[in-house]
């Protein structure tokens, strides 16, 4: 979250892979990202992401695909926090 806070994501496409509750994707949306894709293989995580996005008025720009249905579009920022190991890449 601290790294994301220092990034310019305004109008960019952000992928939050392994989104869990969606906190990183929602933060990107609130910072002005143009499109956020929150990917997870756990249906409960995708539901939690939807609920949290709605609570934060970010539902309009967040997609929630499973890895199987994710079409891997080009992105400006990819962020992930999988098994306690943060991975963030900026193109």
Protein backbone atom coordinates (compact mmCIF):
# COMPACT_ATOMS: atom_id res chain seq x y z
CA UNK A 1 0.00 0.00 0.00
CA UNK A 2 2.85 2.36 0.82
CA UNK A 3 4.45 1.73 -2.59
CA UNK A 4 1.13 2.26 -4.37
CA UNK A 5 0.61 5.52 -2.52
CA UNK A 6 3.73 6.91 -4.17
CA UNK A 7 2.75 5.89 -7.71
CA UNK A 8 0.88 7.80 -10.37
CA UNK A 9 -1.91 5.45 -11.46
CA UNK A 10 -4.16 8.23 -12.77
CA UNK A 11 -6.11 6.96 -15.81
CA UNK A 12 -3.95 3.80 -15.94
CA UNK A 13 -4.99 0.16 -16.17
CA UNK A 14 -4.10 -1.70 -12.96
CA UNK A 15 -4.17 -5.46 -12.38
CA UNK A 16 -4.40 -6.73 -8.80
CA UNK A 17 -3.54 -10.43 -9.17
CA UNK A 18 -4.53 -12.53 -6.19
CA UNK A 19 -6.72 -9.70 -5.00
CA UNK A 20 -8.10 -11.25 -1.81
CA UNK A 21 -10.36 -8.56 -0.37
CA UNK A 22 -9.48 -6.17 -3.22
CA UNK A 23 -7.73 -3.63 -1.02
CA UNK A 24 -4.88 -2.86 -3.45
CA UNK A 25 -7.19 -2.65 -6.46
CA UNK A 26 -9.65 -0.44 -4.60
CA UNK A 27 -6.82 1.81 -3.44
CA UNK A 28 -5.69 2.15 -7.06
CA UNK A 29 -9.25 3.01 -8.09
CA UNK A 30 -9.50 5.65 -5.36
CA UNK A 31 -6.17 7.10 -6.55
CA UNK A 32 -7.65 7.61 -10.01
CA UNK A 33 -6.89 4.45 -11.99
CA UNK A 34 -8.96 4.29 -15.15
CA UNK A 35 -9.56 0.53 -15.09
CA UNK A 36 -8.81 -2.03 -12.37
CA UNK A 37 -8.85 -5.80 -12.84
CA UNK A 38 -8.93 -7.78 -9.58
CA UNK A 39 -8.13 -11.45 -10.27
CA UNK A 40 -8.51 -14.31 -7.79
CA UNK A 41 -9.25 -18.04 -7.89
CA UNK A 42 -11.34 -17.90 -4.70
CA UNK A 43 -15.01 -16.99 -5.31
CA UNK A 44 -15.26 -15.63 -1.75
CA UNK A 45 -12.35 -13.27 -2.45
CA UNK A 46 -14.08 -11.98 -5.59
CA UNK A 47 -17.30 -11.49 -3.62
CA UNK A 48 -15.40 -9.65 -0.86
CA UNK A 49 -13.79 -7.47 -3.53
CA UNK A 50 -17.23 -6.64 -4.96
CA UNK A 51 -18.59 -5.77 -1.51
CA UNK A 52 -15.57 -3.64 -0.59
CA UNK A 53 -15.57 -1.89 -3.96
CA UNK A 54 -19.25 -1.01 -3.50
CA UNK A 55 -18.57 0.35 0.00
CA UNK A 56 -15.85 2.57 -1.45
CA UNK A 57 -17.75 3.74 -4.55
CA UNK A 58 -15.25 1.96 -6.81
CA UNK A 59 -17.49 -0.68 -8.40
CA UNK A 60 -17.74 1.13 -11.72
CA UNK A 61 -14.13 0.57 -12.78
CA UNK A 62 -13.34 -2.78 -11.14
CA UNK A 63 -13.64 -6.11 -12.95
CA UNK A 64 -13.37 -9.39 -10.98
CA UNK A 65 -12.42 -12.33 -13.23
CA UNK A 66 -11.12 -15.72 -12.18
CA UNK A 67 -7.69 -16.71 -13.55
CA UNK A 68 -9.48 -19.03 -16.00
CA UNK A 69 -11.67 -16.25 -17.43
CA UNK A 70 -9.02 -13.53 -17.27
CA UNK A 71 -8.06 -12.50 -20.81
CA UNK A 72 -4.71 -10.90 -19.84
CA UNK A 73 -5.08 -7.42 -21.34
CA UNK A 74 -2.21 -4.97 -21.43
CA UNK A 75 -1.75 -3.12 -18.15
CA UNK A 76 0.26 -0.18 -16.90
CA UNK A 77 0.60 -1.53 -13.35
CA UNK A 78 0.50 -5.09 -12.02
CA UNK A 79 0.35 -5.62 -8.27
CA UNK A 80 0.11 -8.79 -6.25
CA UNK A 81 0.43 -9.87 -2.66
CA UNK A 82 0.46 -13.66 -2.77
CA UNK A 83 1.34 -15.79 0.27
CA UNK A 84 2.78 -12.83 2.13
CA UNK A 85 5.20 -11.86 -0.64
CA UNK A 86 4.40 -8.52 -2.28
CA UNK A 87 5.14 -8.20 -5.97
CA UNK A 88 4.50 -4.96 -7.79
CA UNK A 89 5.57 -4.09 -11.32
CA UNK A 90 5.18 -0.81 -13.13
CA UNK A 91 5.44 -0.79 -16.91
